[in-house]
Amino acid sequence: MHISEGVLSLPVLATGGLLALGGLYKGLKAIHEEDMPKAAILAAVFFTASLIHVNIGPSSTHLVLSGLIGLIMGWAAFPVIFLGLLLQGVLFNFGGITTLGINTFNMAAPAVLVSALFNRLVNSPNYVLASIAGFITGSLPIVISAILVGLSLALTGERFITMAYAIFLSNLPIVLIEGFVCLFCVQFLKKVRPAILRPQTV
């Protein structure tokens, strides 16, 4: 779901960069010393999962796991995802440096939002309700991110509108996969370490 270098217009890049900076500021304030190992592990998981990708024109599709990261880290998902994207851009030229801001916002903002909306349901003692919430927390951020990626391309120029639709449709299979991955992770964490799924607020 990276947007490549040299595609977006300067206003879109600047807006995405400013929004990402706001999220990073909020996220860095939310990280405590005891969260550092958890943040590092999740950044590594995000980095690794995103390496397995399929190129689609100026973008690509791959596992993101942003919903799970948002569920565990809350606002701190911004620096976690930013770090993963930065390493991918520097080491493998995935996405790039000029698009780092917009890519960070497109992936992290939906994760934080959906986590805030569904975290309490994920922590519900009702197994079925918690499982459904876990699936939605994993899948919905991918839908929103795909919409944001498409919007970023559409705002750059009409020539990218068809590609925006294609990117959205290509990510639909990932939506289901991410939903089930998050569901299984939620079920496991609720059994072994439920405190890690602490309530988050926006």
N, C-alpha and C. Protein backbone atom coordinates (compact mmCIF):
# COMPACT_ATOMS: atom_id res chain seq x y z
N MET A 1 0.81 -1.19 0.00
CA MET A 1 0.00 0.00 0.00
C MET A 1 0.86 1.26 0.00
N HIS A 2 2.14 1.08 -0.32
CA HIS A 2 3.02 2.23 -0.45
C HIS A 2 2.70 3.02 -1.71
N ILE A 3 2.84 4.32 -1.64
CA ILE A 3 2.80 5.15 -2.84
C ILE A 3 4.24 5.48 -3.18
N SER A 4 4.60 5.28 -4.43
CA SER A 4 5.99 5.42 -4.86
C SER A 4 6.39 6.89 -5.00
N GLU A 5 7.71 7.09 -5.10
CA GLU A 5 8.26 8.43 -5.33
C GLU A 5 7.83 8.97 -6.69
N GLY A 6 7.73 10.31 -6.78
CA GLY A 6 7.50 10.97 -8.05
C GLY A 6 6.10 10.85 -8.60
N VAL A 7 5.14 10.42 -7.78
CA VAL A 7 3.77 10.24 -8.26
C VAL A 7 2.85 11.36 -7.78
N LEU A 8 2.90 11.65 -6.50
CA LEU A 8 1.97 12.60 -5.90
C LEU A 8 2.39 14.04 -6.12
N SER A 9 1.41 14.93 -6.11
CA SER A 9 1.68 16.36 -6.25
C SER A 9 2.23 16.90 -4.94
N LEU A 10 2.89 18.04 -5.01
CA LEU A 10 3.49 18.66 -3.83
C LEU A 10 2.46 18.99 -2.74
N PRO A 11 1.29 19.55 -3.08
CA PRO A 11 0.29 19.82 -2.02
C PRO A 11 -0.14 18.56 -1.27
N VAL A 12 -0.32 17.45 -2.00
CA VAL A 12 -0.72 16.19 -1.35
C VAL A 12 0.41 15.69 -0.45
N LEU A 13 1.64 15.74 -0.93
CA LEU A 13 2.79 15.32 -0.13
C LEU A 13 2.93 16.19 1.12
N ALA A 14 2.77 17.49 0.97
CA ALA A 14 2.93 18.41 2.10
C ALA A 14 1.83 18.18 3.13
N THR A 15 0.61 18.01 2.67
CA THR A 15 -0.51 17.77 3.59
C THR A 15 -0.32 16.47 4.35
N GLY A 16 0.07 15.42 3.62
CA GLY A 16 0.32 14.13 4.27
C GLY A 16 1.45 14.22 5.27
N GLY A 17 2.51 14.97 4.92
CA GLY A 17 3.63 15.14 5.83
C GLY A 17 3.24 15.84 7.11
N LEU A 18 2.43 16.90 7.00
CA LEU A 18 1.99 17.65 8.19
C LEU A 18 1.09 16.80 9.07
N LEU A 19 0.19 16.04 8.46
CA LEU A 19 -0.70 15.17 9.23
C LEU A 19 0.11 14.08 9.94
N ALA A 20 1.10 13.54 9.25
CA ALA A 20 1.95 12.51 9.86
C ALA A 20 2.76 13.08 11.01
N LEU A 21 3.25 14.31 10.87
CA LEU A 21 4.00 14.95 11.96
C LEU A 21 3.13 15.11 13.19
N GLY A 22 1.88 15.49 12.99
CA GLY A 22 0.96 15.60 14.12
C GLY A 22 0.75 14.26 14.81
N GLY A 23 0.58 13.21 14.01
CA GLY A 23 0.41 11.88 14.58
C GLY A 23 1.66 11.40 15.29
N LEU A 24 2.83 11.70 14.73
CA LEU A 24 4.09 11.31 15.36
C LEU A 24 4.28 12.03 16.69
N TYR A 25 3.94 13.30 16.72
CA TYR A 25 4.05 14.06 17.97
C TYR A 25 3.18 13.44 19.06
N LYS A 26 1.94 13.16 18.71
CA LYS A 26 1.01 12.55 19.66
C LYS A 26 1.49 11.15 20.05
N GLY A 27 1.98 10.40 19.06
CA GLY A 27 2.41 9.03 19.31
C GLY A 27 3.64 8.95 20.18
N LEU A 28 4.61 9.83 19.95
CA LEU A 28 5.84 9.83 20.77
C LEU A 28 5.53 10.21 22.21
N LYS A 29 4.58 11.08 22.40
CA LYS A 29 4.18 11.45 23.77
C LYS A 29 3.49 10.28 24.47
N ALA A 30 2.87 9.40 23.68
CA ALA A 30 2.12 8.28 24.26
C ALA A 30 3.01 7.09 24.62
N ILE A 31 4.25 7.06 24.11
CA ILE A 31 5.14 5.94 24.37
C ILE A 31 5.83 6.12 25.72
N HIS A 32 5.74 5.10 26.54
CA HIS A 32 6.45 5.08 27.83
C HIS A 32 7.64 4.14 27.73
N GLU A 33 8.53 4.24 28.69
CA GLU A 33 9.75 3.43 28.64
C GLU A 33 9.45 1.94 28.56
N GLU A 34 8.41 1.52 29.29
CA GLU A 34 8.09 0.09 29.29
C GLU A 34 7.47 -0.36 27.96
N ASP A 35 7.08 0.59 27.12
CA ASP A 35 6.50 0.25 25.82
C ASP A 35 7.55 0.05 24.73
N MET A 36 8.80 0.43 25.01
CA MET A 36 9.84 0.39 23.97
C MET A 36 10.05 -1.01 23.38
N PRO A 37 10.20 -2.06 24.19
CA PRO A 37 10.39 -3.40 23.59
C PRO A 37 9.21 -3.81 22.72
N LYS A 38 8.01 -3.51 23.19
CA LYS A 38 6.80 -3.84 22.44
C LYS A 38 6.76 -3.08 21.12
N ALA A 39 7.10 -1.80 21.16
CA ALA A 39 7.12 -0.98 19.95
C ALA A 39 8.15 -1.51 18.96
N ALA A 40 9.32 -1.90 19.46
CA ALA A 40 10.38 -2.41 18.59
C ALA A 40 9.96 -3.71 17.92
N ILE A 41 9.32 -4.60 18.66
CA ILE A 41 8.87 -5.88 18.10
C ILE A 41 7.81 -5.64 17.03
N LEU A 42 6.87 -4.76 17.30
CA LEU A 42 5.80 -4.49 16.34
C LEU A 42 6.33 -3.79 15.09
N ALA A 43 7.33 -2.92 15.26
CA ALA A 43 7.96 -2.27 14.10
C ALA A 43 8.64 -3.33 13.24
N ALA A 44 9.28 -4.31 13.87
CA ALA A 44 9.94 -5.38 13.14
C ALA A 44 8.92 -6.26 12.42
N VAL A 45 7.79 -6.54 13.08
CA VAL A 45 6.73 -7.34 12.46
C VAL A 45 6.15 -6.60 11.25
N PHE A 46 5.89 -5.31 11.43
CA PHE A 46 5.37 -4.50 10.32
C PHE A 46 6.36 -4.46 9.17
N PHE A 47 7.63 -4.24 9.48
CA PHE A 47 8.68 -4.18 8.47
C PHE A 47 8.75 -5.47 7.67
N THR A 48 8.73 -6.60 8.36
CA THR A 48 8.85 -7.90 7.71
C THR A 48 7.61 -8.23 6.88
N ALA A 49 6.42 -8.01 7.46
CA ALA A 49 5.18 -8.33 6.74
C ALA A 49 5.05 -7.51 5.47
N SER A 50 5.46 -6.26 5.53
CA SER A 50 5.30 -5.37 4.38
C SER A 50 6.32 -5.64 3.28
N LEU A 51 7.33 -6.46 3.56
CA LEU A 51 8.32 -6.77 2.53
C LEU A 51 7.75 -7.70 1.47
N ILE A 52 6.74 -8.46 1.84
CA ILE A 52 6.11 -9.39 0.90
C ILE A 52 4.97 -8.64 0.22
N HIS A 53 5.25 -8.07 -0.95
CA HIS A 53 4.27 -7.21 -1.58
C HIS A 53 4.13 -7.51 -3.07
N VAL A 54 3.00 -7.06 -3.62
CA VAL A 54 2.70 -7.20 -5.04
C VAL A 54 2.53 -5.80 -5.60
N ASN A 55 3.32 -5.43 -6.61
CA ASN A 55 3.25 -4.10 -7.20
C ASN A 55 1.99 -3.95 -8.04
N ILE A 56 1.35 -2.78 -7.89
CA ILE A 56 0.18 -2.44 -8.69
C ILE A 56 0.36 -0.99 -9.14
N GLY A 57 0.94 -0.81 -10.32
CA GLY A 57 1.18 0.55 -10.83
C GLY A 57 2.08 1.33 -9.88
N PRO A 58 1.62 2.52 -9.47
CA PRO A 58 2.43 3.35 -8.58
C PRO A 58 2.31 2.95 -7.11
N SER A 59 1.56 1.89 -6.82
CA SER A 59 1.40 1.46 -5.43
C SER A 59 1.68 -0.03 -5.35
N SER A 60 1.42 -0.62 -4.17
CA SER A 60 1.60 -2.05 -3.99
C SER A 60 0.68 -2.52 -2.88
N THR A 61 0.40 -3.83 -2.87
CA THR A 61 -0.45 -4.38 -1.83
C THR A 61 0.32 -5.46 -1.08
N HIS A 62 0.07 -5.57 0.21
CA HIS A 62 0.80 -6.50 1.07
C HIS A 62 0.14 -6.52 2.43
N LEU A 63 0.54 -7.45 3.27
CA LEU A 63 0.07 -7.44 4.65
C LEU A 63 0.59 -6.18 5.34
N VAL A 64 -0.25 -5.57 6.14
CA VAL A 64 0.12 -4.35 6.84
C VAL A 64 0.13 -4.57 8.36
N LEU A 65 -0.90 -5.25 8.87
CA LEU A 65 -1.07 -5.52 10.31
C LEU A 65 -1.22 -4.23 11.11
N SER A 66 -1.69 -3.18 10.45
CA SER A 66 -1.83 -1.89 11.13
C SER A 66 -2.91 -1.94 12.21
N GLY A 67 -3.98 -2.71 11.97
CA GLY A 67 -5.03 -2.80 12.97
C GLY A 67 -4.53 -3.39 14.27
N LEU A 68 -3.74 -4.44 14.18
CA LEU A 68 -3.18 -5.07 15.37
C LEU A 68 -2.22 -4.12 16.08
N ILE A 69 -1.40 -3.40 15.30
CA ILE A 69 -0.47 -2.44 15.88
C ILE A 69 -1.23 -1.33 16.60
N GLY A 70 -2.27 -0.82 15.97
CA GLY A 70 -3.08 0.22 16.60
C GLY A 70 -3.76 -0.27 17.86
N LEU A 71 -4.22 -1.52 17.84
CA LEU A 71 -4.90 -2.10 18.99
C LEU A 71 -3.98 -2.18 20.20
N ILE A 72 -2.73 -2.52 19.96
CA ILE A 72 -1.76 -2.68 21.05
C ILE A 72 -1.11 -1.37 21.45
N MET A 73 -0.83 -0.50 20.47
CA MET A 73 -0.03 0.69 20.74
C MET A 73 -0.82 1.99 20.80
N GLY A 74 -2.05 2.01 20.30
CA GLY A 74 -2.80 3.26 20.28
C GLY A 74 -2.11 4.30 19.40
N TRP A 75 -1.98 5.53 19.89
CA TRP A 75 -1.34 6.59 19.11
C TRP A 75 0.11 6.26 18.78
N ALA A 76 0.74 5.43 19.58
CA ALA A 76 2.13 5.06 19.33
C ALA A 76 2.28 4.24 18.06
N ALA A 77 1.17 3.87 17.43
CA ALA A 77 1.23 3.20 16.13
C ALA A 77 1.89 4.10 15.10
N PHE A 78 1.76 5.41 15.25
CA PHE A 78 2.38 6.33 14.29
C PHE A 78 3.90 6.16 14.24
N PRO A 79 4.63 6.30 15.37
CA PRO A 79 6.08 6.10 15.27
C PRO A 79 6.48 4.69 14.91
N VAL A 80 5.69 3.69 15.31
CA VAL A 80 6.00 2.30 14.97
C VAL A 80 5.94 2.10 13.45
N ILE A 81 4.87 2.55 12.84
CA ILE A 81 4.70 2.41 11.39
C ILE A 81 5.68 3.30 10.65
N PHE A 82 5.92 4.50 11.16
CA PHE A 82 6.89 5.41 10.54
C PHE A 82 8.27 4.77 10.48
N LEU A 83 8.69 4.15 11.57
CA LEU A 83 10.01 3.51 11.62
C LEU A 83 10.11 2.39 10.60
N GLY A 84 9.07 1.56 10.52
CA GLY A 84 9.07 0.48 9.54
C GLY A 84 9.14 0.99 8.12
N LEU A 85 8.37 2.04 7.82
CA LEU A 85 8.39 2.62 6.47
C LEU A 85 9.72 3.28 6.15
N LEU A 86 10.31 3.93 7.15
CA LEU A 86 11.61 4.58 6.95
C LEU A 86 12.68 3.56 6.59
N LEU A 87 12.71 2.46 7.32
CA LEU A 87 13.69 1.41 7.05
C LEU A 87 13.46 0.79 5.67
N GLN A 88 12.20 0.59 5.30
CA GLN A 88 11.90 0.03 3.99
C GLN A 88 12.34 0.98 2.87
N GLY A 89 12.11 2.28 3.09
CA GLY A 89 12.50 3.26 2.09
C GLY A 89 14.00 3.37 1.93
N VAL A 90 14.72 3.34 3.06
CA VAL A 90 16.17 3.50 3.02
C VAL A 90 16.86 2.23 2.53
N LEU A 91 16.42 1.09 3.02
CA LEU A 91 17.11 -0.17 2.71
C LEU A 91 16.67 -0.80 1.39
N PHE A 92 15.38 -0.67 1.05
CA PHE A 92 14.87 -1.39 -0.11
C PHE A 92 14.17 -0.49 -1.13
N ASN A 93 14.13 0.80 -0.85
CA ASN A 93 13.49 1.75 -1.76
C ASN A 93 12.01 1.44 -1.97
N PHE A 94 11.35 0.89 -0.95
CA PHE A 94 9.91 0.67 -1.00
C PHE A 94 9.23 1.95 -0.54
N GLY A 95 8.35 2.49 -1.35
CA GLY A 95 7.68 3.73 -1.00
C GLY A 95 8.57 4.91 -1.31
N GLY A 96 9.52 5.18 -0.46
CA GLY A 96 10.45 6.28 -0.67
C GLY A 96 10.48 7.23 0.49
N ILE A 97 11.29 8.27 0.36
CA ILE A 97 11.46 9.24 1.44
C ILE A 97 10.47 10.39 1.30
N THR A 98 10.27 10.91 0.09
CA THR A 98 9.35 12.04 -0.08
C THR A 98 7.91 11.65 0.23
N THR A 99 7.57 10.38 0.07
CA THR A 99 6.21 9.91 0.35
C THR A 99 6.08 9.31 1.75
N LEU A 100 7.12 9.45 2.55
CA LEU A 100 7.12 8.84 3.89
C LEU A 100 5.98 9.38 4.75
N GLY A 101 5.74 10.68 4.66
CA GLY A 101 4.68 11.29 5.46
C GLY A 101 3.30 10.80 5.09
N ILE A 102 2.98 10.87 3.81
CA ILE A 102 1.65 10.46 3.37
C ILE A 102 1.44 8.96 3.56
N ASN A 103 2.46 8.15 3.33
CA ASN A 103 2.33 6.71 3.56
C ASN A 103 2.12 6.40 5.03
N THR A 104 2.84 7.11 5.90
CA THR A 104 2.67 6.91 7.35
C THR A 104 1.25 7.25 7.77
N PHE A 105 0.76 8.40 7.32
CA PHE A 105 -0.59 8.81 7.71
C PHE A 105 -1.64 7.84 7.17
N ASN A 106 -1.50 7.44 5.91
CA ASN A 106 -2.50 6.56 5.29
C ASN A 106 -2.61 5.22 6.01
N MET A 107 -1.51 4.75 6.62
CA MET A 107 -1.54 3.46 7.30
C MET A 107 -1.80 3.58 8.80
N ALA A 108 -1.25 4.61 9.43
CA ALA A 108 -1.33 4.71 10.89
C ALA A 108 -2.63 5.32 11.37
N ALA A 109 -3.12 6.36 10.69
CA ALA A 109 -4.33 7.04 11.16
C ALA A 109 -5.54 6.11 11.24
N PRO A 110 -5.81 5.27 10.21
CA PRO A 110 -6.93 4.35 10.33
C PRO A 110 -6.75 3.35 11.47
N ALA A 111 -5.52 2.93 11.72
CA ALA A 111 -5.26 1.98 12.80
C ALA A 111 -5.60 2.58 14.15
N VAL A 112 -5.20 3.81 14.37
CA VAL A 112 -5.48 4.49 15.64
C VAL A 112 -6.98 4.70 15.80
N LEU A 113 -7.64 5.15 14.74
CA LEU A 113 -9.07 5.43 14.80
C LEU A 113 -9.88 4.17 15.09
N VAL A 114 -9.64 3.11 14.34
CA VAL A 114 -10.41 1.88 14.50
C VAL A 114 -10.13 1.24 15.86
N SER A 115 -8.88 1.32 16.32
CA SER A 115 -8.55 0.78 17.64
C SER A 115 -9.32 1.50 18.72
N ALA A 116 -9.40 2.82 18.63
CA ALA A 116 -10.13 3.60 19.63
C ALA A 116 -11.62 3.25 19.63
N LEU A 117 -12.16 2.95 18.46
CA LEU A 117 -13.58 2.66 18.35
C LEU A 117 -13.93 1.26 18.85
N PHE A 118 -13.03 0.29 18.66
CA PHE A 118 -13.38 -1.11 18.92
C PHE A 118 -12.60 -1.76 20.06
N ASN A 119 -11.69 -1.02 20.69
CA ASN A 119 -10.85 -1.64 21.72
C ASN A 119 -11.67 -2.18 22.89
N ARG A 120 -12.66 -1.43 23.31
CA ARG A 120 -13.48 -1.89 24.44
C ARG A 120 -14.25 -3.16 24.09
N LEU A 121 -14.69 -3.26 22.85
CA LEU A 121 -15.38 -4.47 22.43
C LEU A 121 -14.42 -5.65 22.35
N VAL A 122 -13.18 -5.38 21.91
CA VAL A 122 -12.16 -6.42 21.88
C VAL A 122 -11.90 -6.96 23.28
N ASN A 123 -11.98 -6.09 24.28
CA ASN A 123 -11.75 -6.49 25.67
C ASN A 123 -13.00 -7.02 26.36
N SER A 124 -14.08 -7.19 25.60
CA SER A 124 -15.32 -7.70 26.17
C SER A 124 -15.15 -9.15 26.62
N PRO A 125 -15.76 -9.54 27.75
CA PRO A 125 -15.70 -10.94 28.18
C PRO A 125 -16.51 -11.87 27.27
N ASN A 126 -17.36 -11.28 26.44
CA ASN A 126 -18.15 -12.07 25.49
C ASN A 126 -17.23 -12.52 24.35
N TYR A 127 -17.01 -13.81 24.23
CA TYR A 127 -16.05 -14.35 23.26
C TYR A 127 -16.43 -14.00 21.83
N VAL A 128 -17.70 -14.16 21.49
CA VAL A 128 -18.16 -13.90 20.12
C VAL A 128 -18.01 -12.41 19.79
N LEU A 129 -18.44 -11.55 20.71
CA LEU A 129 -18.35 -10.12 20.49
C LEU A 129 -16.90 -9.67 20.34
N ALA A 130 -16.02 -10.19 21.20
CA ALA A 130 -14.61 -9.83 21.14
C ALA A 130 -13.98 -10.32 19.83
N SER A 131 -14.39 -11.49 19.37
CA SER A 131 -13.84 -12.03 18.12
C SER A 131 -14.28 -11.20 16.92
N ILE A 132 -15.54 -10.81 16.90
CA ILE A 132 -16.04 -9.97 15.81
C ILE A 132 -15.31 -8.62 15.81
N ALA A 133 -15.14 -8.05 17.01
CA ALA A 133 -14.44 -6.78 17.12
C ALA A 133 -12.98 -6.92 16.68
N GLY A 134 -12.37 -8.05 17.01
CA GLY A 134 -10.99 -8.30 16.59
C GLY A 134 -10.87 -8.36 15.08
N PHE A 135 -11.83 -9.02 14.44
CA PHE A 135 -11.82 -9.11 12.98
C PHE A 135 -11.97 -7.73 12.35
N ILE A 136 -12.91 -6.95 12.86
CA ILE A 136 -13.15 -5.60 12.32
C ILE A 136 -11.92 -4.71 12.53
N THR A 137 -11.30 -4.85 13.70
CA THR A 137 -10.12 -4.03 14.00
C THR A 137 -8.97 -4.34 13.05
N GLY A 138 -8.90 -5.57 12.59
CA GLY A 138 -7.85 -5.93 11.63
C GLY A 138 -8.18 -5.54 10.21
N SER A 139 -9.45 -5.66 9.83
CA SER A 139 -9.83 -5.47 8.43
C SER A 139 -10.18 -4.03 8.06
N LEU A 140 -10.89 -3.33 8.94
CA LEU A 140 -11.37 -1.99 8.61
C LEU A 140 -10.25 -0.98 8.33
N PRO A 141 -9.14 -1.00 9.10
CA PRO A 141 -8.06 -0.06 8.77
C PRO A 141 -7.52 -0.24 7.35
N ILE A 142 -7.53 -1.46 6.83
CA ILE A 142 -7.05 -1.69 5.47
C ILE A 142 -8.00 -1.06 4.46
N VAL A 143 -9.30 -1.16 4.72
CA VAL A 143 -10.28 -0.52 3.85
C VAL A 143 -10.08 0.99 3.84
N ILE A 144 -9.94 1.57 5.03
CA ILE A 144 -9.76 3.03 5.12
C ILE A 144 -8.44 3.45 4.49
N SER A 145 -7.38 2.67 4.74
CA SER A 145 -6.08 3.00 4.15
C SER A 145 -6.14 2.96 2.63
N ALA A 146 -6.83 1.95 2.08
CA ALA A 146 -6.96 1.84 0.63
C ALA A 146 -7.72 3.04 0.08
N ILE A 147 -8.73 3.50 0.80
CA ILE A 147 -9.48 4.69 0.38
C ILE A 147 -8.58 5.91 0.42
N LEU A 148 -7.77 6.04 1.48
CA LEU A 148 -6.87 7.19 1.60
C LEU A 148 -5.81 7.18 0.50
N VAL A 149 -5.28 6.00 0.18
CA VAL A 149 -4.31 5.89 -0.91
C VAL A 149 -4.96 6.32 -2.23
N GLY A 150 -6.17 5.81 -2.47
CA GLY A 150 -6.88 6.19 -3.68
C GLY A 150 -7.17 7.68 -3.73
N LEU A 151 -7.56 8.24 -2.59
CA LEU A 151 -7.83 9.68 -2.52
C LEU A 151 -6.57 10.48 -2.78
N SER A 152 -5.44 10.03 -2.24
CA SER A 152 -4.17 10.72 -2.47
C SER A 152 -3.83 10.76 -3.95
N LEU A 153 -4.07 9.65 -4.64
CA LEU A 153 -3.80 9.60 -6.07
C LEU A 153 -4.79 10.45 -6.86
N ALA A 154 -6.09 10.36 -6.48
CA ALA A 154 -7.12 11.10 -7.20
C ALA A 154 -6.91 12.61 -7.06
N LEU A 155 -6.47 13.06 -5.87
CA LEU A 155 -6.24 14.48 -5.66
C LEU A 155 -5.02 14.99 -6.43
N THR A 156 -4.17 14.07 -6.82
CA THR A 156 -2.98 14.46 -7.60
C THR A 156 -3.33 14.74 -9.05
N GLY A 157 -4.29 13.99 -9.59
CA GLY A 157 -4.67 14.22 -10.99
C GLY A 157 -5.69 13.21 -11.47
N GLU A 158 -6.49 13.60 -12.44
CA GLU A 158 -7.55 12.72 -12.95
C GLU A 158 -6.98 11.45 -13.57
N ARG A 159 -5.75 11.53 -14.06
CA ARG A 159 -5.16 10.36 -14.71
C ARG A 159 -4.95 9.20 -13.75
N PHE A 160 -5.00 9.48 -12.44
CA PHE A 160 -4.78 8.43 -11.45
C PHE A 160 -6.08 7.87 -10.88
N ILE A 161 -7.23 8.39 -11.32
CA ILE A 161 -8.50 7.94 -10.74
C ILE A 161 -8.75 6.46 -11.00
N THR A 162 -8.49 6.02 -12.23
CA THR A 162 -8.67 4.60 -12.55
C THR A 162 -7.75 3.74 -11.71
N MET A 163 -6.51 4.20 -11.53
CA MET A 163 -5.56 3.46 -10.69
C MET A 163 -6.02 3.43 -9.24
N ALA A 164 -6.64 4.51 -8.79
CA ALA A 164 -7.14 4.56 -7.41
C ALA A 164 -8.19 3.48 -7.17
N TYR A 165 -9.11 3.32 -8.14
CA TYR A 165 -10.11 2.26 -8.04
C TYR A 165 -9.46 0.88 -8.04
N ALA A 166 -8.46 0.71 -8.89
CA ALA A 166 -7.78 -0.58 -9.00
C ALA A 166 -7.08 -0.94 -7.70
N ILE A 167 -6.44 0.05 -7.08
CA ILE A 167 -5.74 -0.20 -5.82
C ILE A 167 -6.72 -0.59 -4.72
N PHE A 168 -7.86 0.10 -4.68
CA PHE A 168 -8.86 -0.22 -3.66
C PHE A 168 -9.36 -1.66 -3.83
N LEU A 169 -9.70 -2.03 -5.06
CA LEU A 169 -10.22 -3.38 -5.32
C LEU A 169 -9.16 -4.45 -5.05
N SER A 170 -7.90 -4.15 -5.37
CA SER A 170 -6.84 -5.14 -5.20
C SER A 170 -6.57 -5.43 -3.73
N ASN A 171 -6.94 -4.51 -2.86
CA ASN A 171 -6.69 -4.71 -1.43
C ASN A 171 -7.81 -5.45 -0.71
N LEU A 172 -8.92 -5.72 -1.41
CA LEU A 172 -10.04 -6.40 -0.76
C LEU A 172 -9.67 -7.79 -0.23
N PRO A 173 -8.90 -8.61 -0.96
CA PRO A 173 -8.49 -9.90 -0.37
C PRO A 173 -7.64 -9.73 0.89
N ILE A 174 -6.80 -8.69 0.91
CA ILE A 174 -5.97 -8.43 2.09
C ILE A 174 -6.85 -8.08 3.29
N VAL A 175 -7.98 -7.44 3.03
CA VAL A 175 -8.91 -7.07 4.10
C VAL A 175 -9.33 -8.30 4.89
N LEU A 176 -9.71 -9.36 4.19
CA LEU A 176 -10.13 -10.59 4.86
C LEU A 176 -8.98 -11.24 5.62
N ILE A 177 -7.82 -11.30 4.99
CA ILE A 177 -6.66 -11.92 5.63
C ILE A 177 -6.28 -11.17 6.90
N GLU A 178 -6.22 -9.84 6.81
CA GLU A 178 -5.85 -9.03 7.97
C GLU A 178 -6.87 -9.20 9.09
N GLY A 179 -8.15 -9.30 8.71
CA GLY A 179 -9.19 -9.49 9.72
C GLY A 179 -9.01 -10.78 10.50
N PHE A 180 -8.74 -11.87 9.81
CA PHE A 180 -8.56 -13.16 10.50
C PHE A 180 -7.26 -13.20 11.30
N VAL A 181 -6.19 -12.59 10.76
CA VAL A 181 -4.93 -12.55 11.51
C VAL A 181 -5.13 -11.81 12.83
N CYS A 182 -5.80 -10.66 12.77
CA CYS A 182 -6.04 -9.88 13.99
C CYS A 182 -6.96 -10.63 14.95
N LEU A 183 -7.97 -11.29 14.40
CA LEU A 183 -8.89 -12.08 15.24
C LEU A 183 -8.13 -13.14 16.02
N PHE A 184 -7.29 -13.91 15.35
CA PHE A 184 -6.53 -14.97 16.02
C PHE A 184 -5.55 -14.40 17.04
N CYS A 185 -4.92 -13.27 16.70
CA CYS A 185 -3.99 -12.63 17.64
C CYS A 185 -4.72 -12.14 18.89
N VAL A 186 -5.91 -11.58 18.69
CA VAL A 186 -6.71 -11.11 19.82
C VAL A 186 -7.09 -12.28 20.73
N GLN A 187 -7.55 -13.37 20.13
CA GLN A 187 -7.92 -14.54 20.92
C GLN A 187 -6.73 -15.07 21.72
N PHE A 188 -5.56 -15.10 21.10
CA PHE A 188 -4.36 -15.58 21.78
C PHE A 188 -3.95 -14.65 22.91
N LEU A 189 -3.91 -13.35 22.63
CA LEU A 189 -3.47 -12.38 23.64
C LEU A 189 -4.44 -12.30 24.81
N LYS A 190 -5.72 -12.48 24.56
CA LYS A 190 -6.69 -12.45 25.65
C LYS A 190 -6.48 -13.63 26.60
N LYS A 191 -5.90 -14.70 26.08
CA LYS A 191 -5.65 -15.87 26.93
C LYS A 191 -4.33 -15.75 27.70
N VAL A 192 -3.28 -15.26 27.03
CA VAL A 192 -1.96 -15.27 27.65
C VAL A 192 -1.56 -13.94 28.28
N ARG A 193 -2.02 -12.82 27.70
CA ARG A 193 -1.65 -11.51 28.25
C ARG A 193 -2.70 -10.47 27.89
N PRO A 194 -3.86 -10.53 28.52
CA PRO A 194 -4.95 -9.61 28.16
C PRO A 194 -4.64 -8.14 28.42
N ALA A 195 -3.72 -7.86 29.33
CA ALA A 195 -3.40 -6.46 29.65
C ALA A 195 -2.79 -5.72 28.48
N ILE A 196 -2.23 -6.46 27.52
CA ILE A 196 -1.60 -5.81 26.37
C ILE A 196 -2.64 -5.14 25.48
N LEU A 197 -3.90 -5.57 25.59
CA LEU A 197 -4.97 -4.98 24.79
C LEU A 197 -5.68 -3.90 25.60
N ARG A 198 -4.91 -3.01 26.19
CA ARG A 198 -5.49 -1.97 27.04
C ARG A 198 -6.32 -0.99 26.20
N PRO A 199 -7.35 -0.41 26.82
CA PRO A 199 -8.20 0.54 26.09
C PRO A 199 -7.40 1.74 25.62
N GLN A 200 -7.69 2.18 24.39
CA GLN A 200 -7.04 3.36 23.82
C GLN A 200 -8.10 4.40 23.53
N THR A 201 -7.71 5.65 23.56
CA THR A 201 -8.62 6.74 23.21
C THR A 201 -7.95 7.65 22.20
N VAL A 202 -8.76 8.27 21.34
CA VAL A 202 -8.26 9.21 20.37
C VAL A 202 -8.18 10.59 20.99
